[in-house]
Amino acid sequence: MWYSLLSLKKNADSTLSAQVTVSDGSPWFTGHFPDNPILPGIAQLNMIAEVIALARQENLCIKALRRVKFKKIVQPGERLEIHVSTKAKTNQYTFRITSEMQDVCSGTISLAEKQSLEKTS
């Protein structure tokens, strides 16, 4: 993983929360931007999908995104809080990432099971 998962809590009420940090050496920071590194939005969305997949113990990928808003720049070493909720038995999730109680990113993400290469051949 290109980030460190510090904690992951799956709650009975169809919510989960996680704490992560992104190290200075993450490959995402090399191109965005050399003198002022920031974590790209696509990396944040990828992290959400990976945390959900890990919590569900399934091989999932992003299928659709809705109403995604980026509100704060994430820099190397920041500790992020991820909050996710879902309706029962759906693959659609409402998410929010925060850092020091400030909103970083929020929206809705739909996930689907990844197809193996053998199935698509």
PDB file of N, CA and C in Angstrom:
ATOM      1  N   MET A   1       0.834  -1.183   0.000  1.00  0.00           N
ATOM      2  CA  MET A   1       0.000   0.000   0.000  1.00  0.00           C
ATOM      3  C   MET A   1       0.881   1.250   0.000  1.00  0.00           C
ATOM      4  N   TRP A   2       0.432   2.264  -0.644  1.00  0.00           N
ATOM      5  CA  TRP A   2       1.175   3.517  -0.720  1.00  0.00           C
ATOM      6  C   TRP A   2       0.837   4.453   0.444  1.00  0.00           C
ATOM      7  N   TYR A   3      -0.027   3.996   1.337  1.00  0.00           N
ATOM      8  CA  TYR A   3      -0.369   4.737   2.548  1.00  0.00           C
ATOM      9  C   TYR A   3      -0.358   3.759   3.721  1.00  0.00           C
ATOM     10  N   SER A   4      -0.314   4.284   4.941  1.00  0.00           N
ATOM     11  CA  SER A   4      -0.329   3.433   6.133  1.00  0.00           C
ATOM     12  C   SER A   4      -1.719   3.458   6.742  1.00  0.00           C
ATOM     13  N   LEU A   5      -2.303   2.277   6.895  1.00  0.00           N
ATOM     14  CA  LEU A   5      -3.607   2.148   7.535  1.00  0.00           C
ATOM     15  C   LEU A   5      -3.369   2.015   9.033  1.00  0.00           C
ATOM     16  N   LEU A   6      -3.744   3.040   9.791  1.00  0.00           N
ATOM     17  CA  LEU A   6      -3.498   3.055  11.227  1.00  0.00           C
ATOM     18  C   LEU A   6      -4.596   2.334  11.995  1.00  0.00           C
ATOM     19  N   SER A   7      -5.842   2.451  11.521  1.00  0.00           N
ATOM     20  CA  SER A   7      -6.956   1.747  12.154  1.00  0.00           C
ATOM     21  C   SER A   7      -8.094   1.620  11.157  1.00  0.00           C
ATOM     22  N   LEU A   8      -8.910   0.590  11.374  1.00  0.00           N
ATOM     23  CA  LEU A   8     -10.095   0.353  10.551  1.00  0.00           C
ATOM     24  C   LEU A   8     -11.169  -0.219  11.455  1.00  0.00           C
ATOM     25  N   LYS A   9     -12.296   0.476  11.550  1.00  0.00           N
ATOM     26  CA  LYS A   9     -13.408   0.033  12.396  1.00  0.00           C
ATOM     27  C   LYS A   9     -14.645  -0.133  11.537  1.00  0.00           C
ATOM     28  N   LYS A  10     -15.184  -1.339  11.564  1.00  0.00           N
ATOM     29  CA  LYS A  10     -16.420  -1.629  10.850  1.00  0.00           C
ATOM     30  C   LYS A  10     -17.524  -1.717  11.900  1.00  0.00           C
ATOM     31  N   ASN A  11     -18.523  -0.852  11.792  1.00  0.00           N
ATOM     32  CA  ASN A  11     -19.580  -0.773  12.785  1.00  0.00           C
ATOM     33  C   ASN A  11     -20.824  -1.527  12.331  1.00  0.00           C
ATOM     34  N   ALA A  12     -21.643  -1.918  13.276  1.00  0.00           N
ATOM     35  CA  ALA A  12     -22.851  -2.686  12.994  1.00  0.00           C
ATOM     36  C   ALA A  12     -23.889  -1.875  12.227  1.00  0.00           C
ATOM     37  N   ASP A  13     -23.820  -0.560  12.281  1.00  0.00           N
ATOM     38  CA  ASP A  13     -24.827   0.285  11.644  1.00  0.00           C
ATOM     39  C   ASP A  13     -24.483   0.653  10.195  1.00  0.00           C
ATOM     40  N   SER A  14     -23.750  -0.210   9.509  1.00  0.00           N
ATOM     41  CA  SER A  14     -23.383  -0.024   8.104  1.00  0.00           C
ATOM     42  C   SER A  14     -22.466   1.174   7.883  1.00  0.00           C
ATOM     43  N   THR A  15     -21.631   1.471   8.866  1.00  0.00           N
ATOM     44  CA  THR A  15     -20.632   2.521   8.705  1.00  0.00           C
ATOM     45  C   THR A  15     -19.259   1.940   8.994  1.00  0.00           C
ATOM     46  N   LEU A  16     -18.266   2.611   8.480  1.00  0.00           N
ATOM     47  CA  LEU A  16     -16.898   2.241   8.831  1.00  0.00           C
ATOM     48  C   LEU A  16     -16.076   3.503   8.924  1.00  0.00           C
ATOM     49  N   SER A  17     -14.990   3.405   9.681  1.00  0.00           N
ATOM     50  CA  SER A  17     -14.078   4.535   9.808  1.00  0.00           C
ATOM     51  C   SER A  17     -12.659   4.007   9.794  1.00  0.00           C
ATOM     52  N   ALA A  18     -11.764   4.816   9.294  1.00  0.00           N
ATOM     53  CA  ALA A  18     -10.355   4.431   9.208  1.00  0.00           C
ATOM     54  C   ALA A  18      -9.499   5.669   9.425  1.00  0.00           C
ATOM     55  N   GLN A  19      -8.296   5.424   9.907  1.00  0.00           N
ATOM     56  CA  GLN A  19      -7.287   6.463  10.007  1.00  0.00           C
ATOM     57  C   GLN A  19      -6.116   6.026   9.159  1.00  0.00           C
ATOM     58  N   VAL A  20      -5.611   6.932   8.328  1.00  0.00           N
ATOM     59  CA  VAL A  20      -4.482   6.632   7.453  1.00  0.00           C
ATOM     60  C   VAL A  20      -3.507   7.804   7.453  1.00  0.00           C
ATOM     61  N   THR A  21      -2.276   7.505   7.071  1.00  0.00           N
ATOM     62  CA  THR A  21      -1.300   8.550   6.778  1.00  0.00           C
ATOM     63  C   THR A  21      -0.663   8.217   5.439  1.00  0.00           C
ATOM     64  N   VAL A  22      -0.279   9.249   4.729  1.00  0.00           N
ATOM     65  CA  VAL A  22       0.385   9.084   3.451  1.00  0.00           C
ATOM     66  C   VAL A  22       1.825   9.532   3.633  1.00  0.00           C
ATOM     67  N   SER A  23       2.760   8.611   3.405  1.00  0.00           N
ATOM     68  CA  SER A  23       4.166   8.926   3.652  1.00  0.00           C
ATOM     69  C   SER A  23       4.729   9.874   2.586  1.00  0.00           C
ATOM     70  N   ASP A  24       5.800  10.539   2.980  1.00  0.00           N
ATOM     71  CA  ASP A  24       6.483  11.460   2.062  1.00  0.00           C
ATOM     72  C   ASP A  24       6.965  10.745   0.804  1.00  0.00           C
ATOM     73  N   GLY A  25       7.259   9.454   0.918  1.00  0.00           N
ATOM     74  CA  GLY A  25       7.800   8.694  -0.201  1.00  0.00           C
ATOM     75  C   GLY A  25       6.758   8.125  -1.140  1.00  0.00           C
ATOM     76  N   SER A  26       5.483   8.439  -0.935  1.00  0.00           N
ATOM     77  CA  SER A  26       4.435   7.916  -1.808  1.00  0.00           C
ATOM     78  C   SER A  26       4.671   8.360  -3.251  1.00  0.00           C
ATOM     79  N   PRO A  27       4.525   7.438  -4.207  1.00  0.00           N
ATOM     80  CA  PRO A  27       4.731   7.797  -5.617  1.00  0.00           C
ATOM     81  C   PRO A  27       3.751   8.858  -6.120  1.00  0.00           C
ATOM     82  N   TRP A  28       2.621   9.037  -5.454  1.00  0.00           N
ATOM     83  CA  TRP A  28       1.652  10.048  -5.872  1.00  0.00           C
ATOM     84  C   TRP A  28       2.222  11.461  -5.779  1.00  0.00           C
ATOM     85  N   PHE A  29       3.178  11.667  -4.871  1.00  0.00           N
ATOM     86  CA  PHE A  29       3.700  13.014  -4.667  1.00  0.00           C
ATOM     87  C   PHE A  29       4.767  13.427  -5.684  1.00  0.00           C
ATOM     88  N   THR A  30       5.338  12.486  -6.424  1.00  0.00           N
ATOM     89  CA  THR A  30       6.429  12.832  -7.334  1.00  0.00           C
ATOM     90  C   THR A  30       6.014  13.770  -8.454  1.00  0.00           C
ATOM     91  N   GLY A  31       4.826  13.631  -8.968  1.00  0.00           N
ATOM     92  CA  GLY A  31       4.415  14.492 -10.073  1.00  0.00           C
ATOM     93  C   GLY A  31       3.511  15.630  -9.671  1.00  0.00           C
ATOM     94  N   HIS A  32       3.111  15.675  -8.415  1.00  0.00           N
ATOM     95  CA  HIS A  32       2.127  16.671  -7.953  1.00  0.00           C
ATOM     96  C   HIS A  32       2.604  17.363  -6.689  1.00  0.00           C
ATOM     97  N   PHE A  33       3.316  18.230  -6.634  1.00  0.00           N
ATOM     98  CA  PHE A  33       4.192  18.928  -7.553  1.00  0.00           C
ATOM     99  C   PHE A  33       5.560  18.948  -6.901  1.00  0.00           C
ATOM    100  N   PRO A  34       6.643  18.901  -7.639  1.00  0.00           N
ATOM    101  CA  PRO A  34       7.971  18.732  -7.034  1.00  0.00           C
ATOM    102  C   PRO A  34       8.307  19.719  -5.917  1.00  0.00           C
ATOM    103  N   ASP A  35       7.945  20.976  -6.052  1.00  0.00           N
ATOM    104  CA  ASP A  35       8.280  21.956  -5.021  1.00  0.00           C
ATOM    105  C   ASP A  35       7.203  22.101  -3.947  1.00  0.00           C
ATOM    106  N   ASN A  36       6.025  21.573  -4.199  1.00  0.00           N
ATOM    107  CA  ASN A  36       4.919  21.680  -3.247  1.00  0.00           C
ATOM    108  C   ASN A  36       4.022  20.449  -3.410  1.00  0.00           C
ATOM    109  N   PRO A  37       4.459  19.281  -2.888  1.00  0.00           N
ATOM    110  CA  PRO A  37       3.723  18.037  -3.133  1.00  0.00           C
ATOM    111  C   PRO A  37       2.324  18.027  -2.512  1.00  0.00           C
ATOM    112  N   ILE A  38       1.346  17.561  -3.305  1.00  0.00           N
ATOM    113  CA  ILE A  38      -0.023  17.384  -2.822  1.00  0.00           C
ATOM    114  C   ILE A  38      -0.533  16.023  -3.284  1.00  0.00           C
ATOM    115  N   LEU A  39      -1.499  15.489  -2.563  1.00  0.00           N
ATOM    116  CA  LEU A  39      -2.098  14.202  -2.911  1.00  0.00           C
ATOM    117  C   LEU A  39      -3.218  14.439  -3.918  1.00  0.00           C
ATOM    118  N   PRO A  40      -3.106  13.889  -5.132  1.00  0.00           N
ATOM    119  CA  PRO A  40      -4.146  14.104  -6.151  1.00  0.00           C
ATOM    120  C   PRO A  40      -5.498  13.525  -5.716  1.00  0.00           C
ATOM    121  N   GLY A  41      -6.558  14.108  -6.238  1.00  0.00           N
ATOM    122  CA  GLY A  41      -7.908  13.642  -5.926  1.00  0.00           C
ATOM    123  C   GLY A  41      -8.128  12.189  -6.287  1.00  0.00           C
ATOM    124  N   ILE A  42      -7.581  11.733  -7.410  1.00  0.00           N
ATOM    125  CA  ILE A  42      -7.771  10.335  -7.814  1.00  0.00           C
ATOM    126  C   ILE A  42      -7.155   9.391  -6.791  1.00  0.00           C
ATOM    127  N   ALA A  43      -6.068   9.801  -6.165  1.00  0.00           N
ATOM    128  CA  ALA A  43      -5.454   8.973  -5.119  1.00  0.00           C
ATOM    129  C   ALA A  43      -6.366   8.889  -3.897  1.00  0.00           C
ATOM    130  N   GLN A  44      -7.012   9.991  -3.557  1.00  0.00           N
ATOM    131  CA  GLN A  44      -7.934   9.994  -2.426  1.00  0.00           C
ATOM    132  C   GLN A  44      -9.114   9.056  -2.693  1.00  0.00           C
ATOM    133  N   LEU A  45      -9.644   9.107  -3.905  1.00  0.00           N
ATOM    134  CA  LEU A  45     -10.765   8.233  -4.264  1.00  0.00           C
ATOM    135  C   LEU A  45     -10.342   6.772  -4.288  1.00  0.00           C
ATOM    136  N   ASN A  46      -9.142   6.501  -4.788  1.00  0.00           N
ATOM    137  CA  ASN A  46      -8.601   5.146  -4.794  1.00  0.00           C
ATOM    138  C   ASN A  46      -8.465   4.622  -3.359  1.00  0.00           C
ATOM    139  N   MET A  47      -8.018   5.476  -2.459  1.00  0.00           N
ATOM    140  CA  MET A  47      -7.857   5.096  -1.059  1.00  0.00           C
ATOM    141  C   MET A  47      -9.214   4.719  -0.445  1.00  0.00           C
ATOM    142  N   ILE A  48     -10.253   5.480  -0.754  1.00  0.00           N
ATOM    143  CA  ILE A  48     -11.605   5.176  -0.267  1.00  0.00           C
ATOM    144  C   ILE A  48     -12.019   3.780  -0.738  1.00  0.00           C
ATOM    145  N   ALA A  49     -11.861   3.515  -2.037  1.00  0.00           N
ATOM    146  CA  ALA A  49     -12.243   2.218  -2.594  1.00  0.00           C
ATOM    147  C   ALA A  49     -11.458   1.084  -1.941  1.00  0.00           C
ATOM    148  N   GLU A  50     -10.169   1.278  -1.724  1.00  0.00           N
ATOM    149  CA  GLU A  50      -9.345   0.233  -1.106  1.00  0.00           C
ATOM    150  C   GLU A  50      -9.743  -0.029   0.337  1.00  0.00           C
ATOM    151  N   VAL A  51     -10.049   1.005   1.082  1.00  0.00           N
ATOM    152  CA  VAL A  51     -10.454   0.834   2.480  1.00  0.00           C
ATOM    153  C   VAL A  51     -11.783   0.077   2.560  1.00  0.00           C
ATOM    154  N   ILE A  52     -12.732   0.416   1.697  1.00  0.00           N
ATOM    155  CA  ILE A  52     -14.017  -0.290   1.669  1.00  0.00           C
ATOM    156  C   ILE A  52     -13.804  -1.753   1.291  1.00  0.00           C
ATOM    157  N   ALA A  53     -12.997  -2.002   0.259  1.00  0.00           N
ATOM    158  CA  ALA A  53     -12.723  -3.372  -0.182  1.00  0.00           C
ATOM    159  C   ALA A  53     -12.069  -4.176   0.937  1.00  0.00           C
ATOM    160  N   LEU A  54     -11.156  -3.571   1.649  1.00  0.00           N
ATOM    161  CA  LEU A  54     -10.491  -4.240   2.771  1.00  0.00           C
ATOM    162  C   LEU A  54     -11.489  -4.571   3.877  1.00  0.00           C
ATOM    163  N   ALA A  55     -12.353  -3.631   4.217  1.00  0.00           N
ATOM    164  CA  ALA A  55     -13.353  -3.850   5.262  1.00  0.00           C
ATOM    165  C   ALA A  55     -14.333  -4.953   4.875  1.00  0.00           C
ATOM    166  N   ARG A  56     -14.696  -4.993   3.597  1.00  0.00           N
ATOM    167  CA  ARG A  56     -15.640  -6.017   3.122  1.00  0.00           C
ATOM    168  C   ARG A  56     -14.952  -7.322   2.741  1.00  0.00           C
ATOM    169  N   GLN A  57     -13.638  -7.303   2.701  1.00  0.00           N
ATOM    170  CA  GLN A  57     -12.835  -8.453   2.288  1.00  0.00           C
ATOM    171  C   GLN A  57     -13.269  -8.948   0.912  1.00  0.00           C
ATOM    172  N   GLU A  58     -13.376  -7.973  -0.002  1.00  0.00           N
ATOM    173  CA  GLU A  58     -13.752  -8.255  -1.385  1.00  0.00           C
ATOM    174  C   GLU A  58     -12.797  -7.528  -2.316  1.00  0.00           C
ATOM    175  N   ASN A  59     -12.735  -7.984  -3.554  1.00  0.00           N
ATOM    176  CA  ASN A  59     -11.902  -7.379  -4.576  1.00  0.00           C
ATOM    177  C   ASN A  59     -12.773  -6.409  -5.376  1.00  0.00           C
ATOM    178  N   LEU A  60     -12.758  -5.123  -4.995  1.00  0.00           N
ATOM    179  CA  LEU A  60     -13.665  -4.138  -5.571  1.00  0.00           C
ATOM    180  C   LEU A  60     -12.911  -3.048  -6.326  1.00  0.00           C
ATOM    181  N   CYS A  61     -13.614  -2.424  -7.263  1.00  0.00           N
ATOM    182  CA  CYS A  61     -13.062  -1.286  -7.998  1.00  0.00           C
ATOM    183  C   CYS A  61     -14.146  -0.219  -8.138  1.00  0.00           C
ATOM    184  N   ILE A  62     -13.730   0.981  -8.487  1.00  0.00           N
ATOM    185  CA  ILE A  62     -14.663   2.094  -8.635  1.00  0.00           C
ATOM    186  C   ILE A  62     -15.503   1.907  -9.896  1.00  0.00           C
ATOM    187  N   LYS A  63     -16.802   2.030  -9.734  1.00  0.00           N
ATOM    188  CA  LYS A  63     -17.738   1.919 -10.851  1.00  0.00           C
ATOM    189  C   LYS A  63     -18.287   3.296 -11.240  1.00  0.00           C
ATOM    190  N   ALA A  64     -18.623   4.121 -10.234  1.00  0.00           N
ATOM    191  CA  ALA A  64     -19.182   5.447 -10.507  1.00  0.00           C
ATOM    192  C   ALA A  64     -18.902   6.372  -9.329  1.00  0.00           C
ATOM    193  N   LEU A  65     -18.889   7.665  -9.624  1.00  0.00           N
ATOM    194  CA  LEU A  65     -18.690   8.701  -8.606  1.00  0.00           C
ATOM    195  C   LEU A  65     -19.763   9.758  -8.783  1.00  0.00           C
ATOM    196  N   ARG A  66     -20.255  10.295  -7.666  1.00  0.00           N
ATOM    197  CA  ARG A  66     -21.259  11.352  -7.723  1.00  0.00           C
ATOM    198  C   ARG A  66     -20.957  12.414  -6.675  1.00  0.00           C
ATOM    199  N   ARG A  67     -21.210  13.636  -7.052  1.00  0.00           N
ATOM    200  CA  ARG A  67     -21.128  14.781  -6.136  1.00  0.00           C
ATOM    201  C   ARG A  67     -19.834  14.835  -5.333  1.00  0.00           C
ATOM    202  N   VAL A  68     -18.740  14.542  -5.979  1.00  0.00           N
ATOM    203  CA  VAL A  68     -17.433  14.558  -5.309  1.00  0.00           C
ATOM    204  C   VAL A  68     -16.947  16.000  -5.209  1.00  0.00           C
ATOM    205  N   LYS A  69     -16.531  16.375  -4.007  1.00  0.00           N
ATOM    206  CA  LYS A  69     -16.014  17.717  -3.763  1.00  0.00           C
ATOM    207  C   LYS A  69     -14.678  17.597  -3.045  1.00  0.00           C
ATOM    208  N   PHE A  70     -13.698  18.342  -3.539  1.00  0.00           N
ATOM    209  CA  PHE A  70     -12.385  18.412  -2.899  1.00  0.00           C
ATOM    210  C   PHE A  70     -12.281  19.786  -2.252  1.00  0.00           C
ATOM    211  N   LYS A  71     -12.032  19.813  -0.944  1.00  0.00           N
ATOM    212  CA  LYS A  71     -12.083  21.074  -0.212  1.00  0.00           C
ATOM    213  C   LYS A  71     -10.767  21.490   0.421  1.00  0.00           C
ATOM    214  N   LYS A  72      -9.837  20.556   0.579  1.00  0.00           N
ATOM    215  CA  LYS A  72      -8.584  20.877   1.251  1.00  0.00           C
ATOM    216  C   LYS A  72      -7.454  20.096   0.610  1.00  0.00           C
ATOM    217  N   ILE A  73      -6.316  20.721   0.442  1.00  0.00           N
ATOM    218  CA  ILE A  73      -5.133  20.066  -0.109  1.00  0.00           C
ATOM    219  C   ILE A  73      -4.533  19.146   0.947  1.00  0.00           C
ATOM    220  N   VAL A  74      -4.138  17.940   0.518  1.00  0.00           N
ATOM    221  CA  VAL A  74      -3.491  16.971   1.409  1.00  0.00           C
ATOM    222  C   VAL A  74      -2.005  16.946   1.081  1.00  0.00           C
ATOM    223  N   GLN A  75      -1.194  17.157   2.109  1.00  0.00           N
ATOM    224  CA  GLN A  75       0.248  17.166   1.935  1.00  0.00           C
ATOM    225  C   GLN A  75       0.866  15.931   2.582  1.00  0.00           C
ATOM    226  N   PRO A  76       2.117  15.603   2.230  1.00  0.00           N
ATOM    227  CA  PRO A  76       2.779  14.417   2.782  1.00  0.00           C
ATOM    228  C   PRO A  76       2.760  14.410   4.311  1.00  0.00           C
ATOM    229  N   GLY A  77       2.518  13.218   4.861  1.00  0.00           N
ATOM    230  CA  GLY A  77       2.555  13.032   6.302  1.00  0.00           C
ATOM    231  C   GLY A  77       1.268  13.361   7.032  1.00  0.00           C
ATOM    232  N   GLU A  78       0.272  13.896   6.348  1.00  0.00           N
ATOM    233  CA  GLU A  78      -0.990  14.232   7.024  1.00  0.00           C
ATOM    234  C   GLU A  78      -1.721  12.977   7.465  1.00  0.00           C
ATOM    235  N   ARG A  79      -2.352  13.053   8.625  1.00  0.00           N
ATOM    236  CA  ARG A  79      -3.214  11.974   9.114  1.00  0.00           C
ATOM    237  C   ARG A  79      -4.628  12.267   8.624  1.00  0.00           C
ATOM    238  N   LEU A  80      -5.223  11.289   7.978  1.00  0.00           N
ATOM    239  CA  LEU A  80      -6.563  11.443   7.416  1.00  0.00           C
ATOM    240  C   LEU A  80      -7.538  10.508   8.122  1.00  0.00           C
ATOM    241  N   GLU A  81      -8.749  11.000   8.330  1.00  0.00           N
ATOM    242  CA  GLU A  81      -9.846  10.203   8.876  1.00  0.00           C
ATOM    243  C   GLU A  81     -10.806   9.930   7.723  1.00  0.00           C
ATOM    244  N   ILE A  82     -11.158   8.683   7.541  1.00  0.00           N
ATOM    245  CA  ILE A  82     -12.084   8.291   6.482  1.00  0.00           C
ATOM    246  C   ILE A  82     -13.372   7.805   7.137  1.00  0.00           C
ATOM    247  N   HIS A  83     -14.498   8.354   6.693  1.00  0.00           N
ATOM    248  CA  HIS A  83     -15.812   7.984   7.227  1.00  0.00           C
ATOM    249  C   HIS A  83     -16.670   7.524   6.050  1.00  0.00           C
ATOM    250  N   VAL A  84     -17.254   6.333   6.158  1.00  0.00           N
ATOM    251  CA  VAL A  84     -18.029   5.762   5.063  1.00  0.00           C
ATOM    252  C   VAL A  84     -19.328   5.195   5.623  1.00  0.00           C
ATOM    253  N   SER A  85     -20.426   5.389   4.893  1.00  0.00           N
ATOM    254  CA  SER A  85     -21.693   4.757   5.260  1.00  0.00           C
ATOM    255  C   SER A  85     -22.363   4.230   3.998  1.00  0.00           C
ATOM    256  N   THR A  86     -23.191   3.211   4.190  1.00  0.00           N
ATOM    257  CA  THR A  86     -23.893   2.605   3.061  1.00  0.00           C
ATOM    258  C   THR A  86     -25.294   2.201   3.478  1.00  0.00           C
ATOM    259  N   LYS A  87     -26.142   2.062   2.478  1.00  0.00           N
ATOM    260  CA  LYS A  87     -27.454   1.480   2.721  1.00  0.00           C
ATOM    261  C   LYS A  87     -27.279  -0.028   2.661  1.00  0.00           C
ATOM    262  N   ALA A  88     -28.127  -0.736   3.346  1.00  0.00           N
ATOM    263  CA  ALA A  88     -28.001  -2.192   3.449  1.00  0.00           C
ATOM    264  C   ALA A  88     -27.895  -2.854   2.076  1.00  0.00           C
ATOM    265  N   LYS A  89     -26.891  -3.703   1.949  1.00  0.00           N
ATOM    266  CA  LYS A  89     -26.675  -4.566   0.785  1.00  0.00           C
ATOM    267  C   LYS A  89     -26.613  -3.834  -0.548  1.00  0.00           C
ATOM    268  N   THR A  90     -25.982  -2.675  -0.566  1.00  0.00           N
ATOM    269  CA  THR A  90     -25.751  -1.990  -1.835  1.00  0.00           C
ATOM    270  C   THR A  90     -24.254  -1.772  -1.970  1.00  0.00           C
ATOM    271  N   ASN A  91     -23.824  -1.420  -3.144  1.00  0.00           N
ATOM    272  CA  ASN A  91     -22.419  -1.099  -3.373  1.00  0.00           C
ATOM    273  C   ASN A  91     -22.240   0.397  -3.590  1.00  0.00           C
ATOM    274  N   GLN A  92     -23.154   1.189  -3.018  1.00  0.00           N
ATOM    275  CA  GLN A  92     -23.057   2.642  -3.100  1.00  0.00           C
ATOM    276  C   GLN A  92     -22.774   3.176  -1.707  1.00  0.00           C
ATOM    277  N   TYR A  93     -21.764   4.028  -1.609  1.00  0.00           N
ATOM    278  CA  TYR A  93     -21.294   4.518  -0.320  1.00  0.00           C
ATOM    279  C   TYR A  93     -21.189   6.039  -0.327  1.00  0.00           C
ATOM    280  N   THR A  94     -21.563   6.646   0.780  1.00  0.00           N
ATOM    281  CA  THR A  94     -21.328   8.057   1.014  1.00  0.00           C
ATOM    282  C   THR A  94     -20.043   8.135   1.827  1.00  0.00           C
ATOM    283  N   PHE A  95     -19.125   9.020   1.441  1.00  0.00           N
ATOM    284  CA  PHE A  95     -17.849   9.080   2.143  1.00  0.00           C
ATOM    285  C   PHE A  95     -17.456  10.514   2.456  1.00  0.00           C
ATOM    286  N   ARG A  96     -16.565  10.616   3.429  1.00  0.00           N
ATOM    287  CA  ARG A  96     -15.981  11.902   3.796  1.00  0.00           C
ATOM    288  C   ARG A  96     -14.578  11.640   4.323  1.00  0.00           C
ATOM    289  N   ILE A  97     -13.628  12.411   3.849  1.00  0.00           N
ATOM    290  CA  ILE A  97     -12.266  12.378   4.379  1.00  0.00           C
ATOM    291  C   ILE A  97     -12.065  13.695   5.112  1.00  0.00           C
ATOM    292  N   THR A  98     -11.496  13.610   6.318  1.00  0.00           N
ATOM    293  CA  THR A  98     -11.184  14.811   7.081  1.00  0.00           C
ATOM    294  C   THR A  98      -9.730  14.773   7.518  1.00  0.00           C
ATOM    295  N   SER A  99      -9.200  15.951   7.798  1.00  0.00           N
ATOM    296  CA  SER A  99      -7.863  16.094   8.350  1.00  0.00           C
ATOM    297  C   SER A  99      -7.935  17.206   9.391  1.00  0.00           C
ATOM    298  N   GLU A 100      -7.594  16.879  10.610  1.00  0.00           N
ATOM    299  CA  GLU A 100      -7.663  17.849  11.703  1.00  0.00           C
ATOM    300  C   GLU A 100      -9.019  18.535  11.743  1.00  0.00           C
ATOM    301  N   MET A 101     -10.076  17.748  11.631  1.00  0.00           N
ATOM    302  CA  MET A 101     -11.467  18.203  11.725  1.00  0.00           C
ATOM    303  C   MET A 101     -11.905  19.090  10.553  1.00  0.00           C
ATOM    304  N   GLN A 102     -11.103  19.193   9.500  1.00  0.00           N
ATOM    305  CA  GLN A 102     -11.476  19.941   8.299  1.00  0.00           C
ATOM    306  C   GLN A 102     -11.834  18.955   7.198  1.00  0.00           C
ATOM    307  N   ASP A 103     -12.896  19.250   6.445  1.00  0.00           N
ATOM    308  CA  ASP A 103     -13.259  18.398   5.318  1.00  0.00           C
ATOM    309  C   ASP A 103     -12.199  18.478   4.232  1.00  0.00           C
ATOM    310  N   VAL A 104     -11.800  17.311   3.742  1.00  0.00           N
ATOM    311  CA  VAL A 104     -10.832  17.199   2.654  1.00  0.00           C
ATOM    312  C   VAL A 104     -11.560  16.858   1.364  1.00  0.00           C
ATOM    313  N   CYS A 105     -12.416  15.836   1.434  1.00  0.00           N
ATOM    314  CA  CYS A 105     -13.086  15.309   0.248  1.00  0.00           C
ATOM    315  C   CYS A 105     -14.375  14.637   0.699  1.00  0.00           C
ATOM    316  N   SER A 106     -15.411  14.722  -0.134  1.00  0.00           N
ATOM    317  CA  SER A 106     -16.666  14.045   0.181  1.00  0.00           C
ATOM    318  C   SER A 106     -17.391  13.708  -1.111  1.00  0.00           C
ATOM    319  N   GLY A 107     -18.340  12.784  -1.016  1.00  0.00           N
ATOM    320  CA  GLY A 107     -19.122  12.413  -2.184  1.00  0.00           C
ATOM    321  C   GLY A 107     -19.744  11.045  -2.030  1.00  0.00           C
ATOM    322  N   THR A 108     -20.136  10.498  -3.159  1.00  0.00           N
ATOM    323  CA  THR A 108     -20.726   9.152  -3.212  1.00  0.00           C
ATOM    324  C   THR A 108     -19.929   8.334  -4.214  1.00  0.00           C
ATOM    325  N   ILE A 109     -19.618   7.103  -3.822  1.00  0.00           N
ATOM    326  CA  ILE A 109     -18.849   6.207  -4.672  1.00  0.00           C
ATOM    327  C   ILE A 109     -19.606   4.889  -4.808  1.00  0.00           C
ATOM    328  N   SER A 110     -19.682   4.378  -6.023  1.00  0.00           N
ATOM    329  CA  SER A 110     -20.264   3.060  -6.277  1.00  0.00           C
ATOM    330  C   SER A 110     -19.126   2.126  -6.657  1.00  0.00           C
ATOM    331  N   LEU A 111     -19.145   0.934  -6.085  1.00  0.00           N
ATOM    332  CA  LEU A 111     -18.093  -0.043  -6.343  1.00  0.00           C
ATOM    333  C   LEU A 111     -18.677  -1.278  -7.004  1.00  0.00           C
ATOM    334  N   ALA A 112     -17.830  -1.992  -7.722  1.00  0.00           N
ATOM    335  CA  ALA A 112     -18.211  -3.242  -8.368  1.00  0.00           C
ATOM    336  C   ALA A 112     -17.091  -4.241  -8.156  1.00  0.00           C
ATOM    337  N   GLU A 113     -17.434  -5.504  -8.250  1.00  0.00           N
ATOM    338  CA  GLU A 113     -16.425  -6.548  -8.108  1.00  0.00           C
ATOM    339  C   GLU A 113     -15.484  -6.505  -9.305  1.00  0.00           C
ATOM    340  N   LYS A 114     -14.177  -6.582  -9.019  1.00  0.00           N
ATOM    341  CA  LYS A 114     -13.194  -6.626 -10.103  1.00  0.00           C
ATOM    342  C   LYS A 114     -13.313  -7.963 -10.809  1.00  0.00           C
ATOM    343  N   GLN A 115     -13.256  -7.910 -12.110  1.00  0.00           N
ATOM    344  CA  GLN A 115     -13.277  -9.132 -12.903  1.00  0.00           C
ATOM    345  C   GLN A 115     -11.851  -9.617 -13.074  1.00  0.00           C
ATOM    346  N   SER A 116     -11.643 -10.901 -12.880  1.00  0.00           N
ATOM    347  CA  SER A 116     -10.289 -11.434 -13.079  1.00  0.00           C
ATOM    348  C   SER A 116      -9.988 -11.472 -14.572  1.00  0.00           C
ATOM    349  N   LEU A 117      -8.712 -11.515 -14.917  1.00  0.00           N
ATOM    350  CA  LEU A 117      -8.315 -11.562 -16.324  1.00  0.00           C
ATOM    351  C   LEU A 117      -8.846 -12.804 -17.005  1.00  0.00           C
ATOM    352  N   GLU A 118      -8.926 -13.915 -16.265  1.00  0.00           N
ATOM    353  CA  GLU A 118      -9.436 -15.147 -16.868  1.00  0.00           C
ATOM    354  C   GLU A 118     -10.896 -15.027 -17.269  1.00  0.00           C
ATOM    355  N   LYS A 119     -11.702 -14.309 -16.462  1.00  0.00           N
ATOM    356  CA  LYS A 119     -13.121 -14.176 -16.756  1.00  0.00           C
ATOM    357  C   LYS A 119     -13.356 -13.303 -17.983  1.00  0.00           C
ATOM    358  N   THR A 120     -12.484 -12.312 -18.224  1.00  0.00           N
ATOM    359  CA  THR A 120     -12.709 -11.394 -19.340  1.00  0.00           C
ATOM    360  C   THR A 120     -12.087 -11.898 -20.631  1.00  0.00           C
ATOM    361  N   SER A 121     -11.276 -12.931 -20.568  1.00  0.00           N
ATOM    362  CA  SER A 121     -10.631 -13.448 -21.784  1.00  0.00           C
ATOM    363  C   SER A 121     -11.553 -14.359 -22.557  1.00  0.00           C
TER     364      SER A 121
END
